[in-house]
């Protein structure tokens, strides 16, 4: 799915997959981050924070 989005011309794709982690890709790179095991007390705004950090550094 992400590759189709990049092939359509989108420069950066970040896909948040809840407890399965996150995938980032662009034309030349694919990165996957996993979530450390632990007890989640509250995941509210965690995806928003990741996207905000990404946007701030691109």
Protein backbone atom coordinates (compact mmCIF):
# COMPACT_ATOMS: atom_id res chain seq x y z
CA UNK A 1 0.00 0.00 0.00
CA UNK A 2 2.73 2.51 0.97
CA UNK A 3 4.73 1.77 -2.18
CA UNK A 4 1.70 2.60 -4.33
CA UNK A 5 1.45 5.97 -2.56
CA UNK A 6 5.14 6.72 -3.19
CA UNK A 7 4.78 5.56 -6.81
CA UNK A 8 1.91 8.04 -7.16
CA UNK A 9 4.31 10.88 -6.31
CA UNK A 10 4.11 11.35 -2.54
CA UNK A 11 7.63 12.13 -1.27
CA UNK A 12 7.40 10.70 2.28
CA UNK A 13 4.99 8.10 3.72
CA UNK A 14 4.65 7.33 7.44
CA UNK A 15 2.28 4.51 8.34
CA UNK A 16 1.37 4.07 12.01
CA UNK A 17 0.33 0.49 12.82
CA UNK A 18 -0.54 0.74 16.53
CA UNK A 19 1.12 -2.12 18.45
CA UNK A 20 2.85 -3.36 15.28
CA UNK A 21 5.06 -0.26 15.06
CA UNK A 22 5.64 2.28 12.31
CA UNK A 23 6.86 2.17 8.72
CA UNK A 24 8.49 5.06 6.87
CA UNK A 25 9.34 5.02 3.21
CA UNK A 26 10.31 7.22 0.34
CA UNK A 27 11.65 6.56 -3.14
CA UNK A 28 14.97 5.19 -1.84
CA UNK A 29 14.42 4.06 1.76
CA UNK A 30 12.19 1.78 3.83
CA UNK A 31 12.47 1.93 7.63
CA UNK A 32 10.46 -0.07 10.15
CA UNK A 33 10.33 0.67 13.88
CA UNK A 34 8.95 -1.81 16.37
CA UNK A 35 7.33 -1.03 19.70
CA UNK A 36 9.20 -2.10 22.84
CA UNK A 37 7.35 -4.58 25.04
CA UNK A 38 5.80 -3.03 28.10
CA UNK A 39 2.59 -1.89 29.70
CA UNK A 40 0.87 0.96 27.85
CA UNK A 41 -0.89 3.27 30.25
CA UNK A 42 -2.25 5.65 27.62
CA UNK A 43 -1.56 5.95 23.89
CA UNK A 44 -3.62 9.10 23.34
CA UNK A 45 -1.86 11.47 20.91
CA UNK A 46 1.15 9.18 20.40
CA UNK A 47 0.55 9.07 16.64
CA UNK A 48 0.01 12.83 16.55
CA UNK A 49 3.32 13.32 18.36
CA UNK A 50 5.17 11.08 15.92
CA UNK A 51 3.77 12.93 12.91
CA UNK A 52 4.51 16.34 14.47
CA UNK A 53 8.11 15.31 15.14
CA UNK A 54 8.49 14.03 11.60
CA UNK A 55 7.09 17.22 10.08
CA UNK A 56 9.33 19.37 12.30
CA UNK A 57 12.43 17.59 10.98
CA UNK A 58 11.64 17.40 7.26
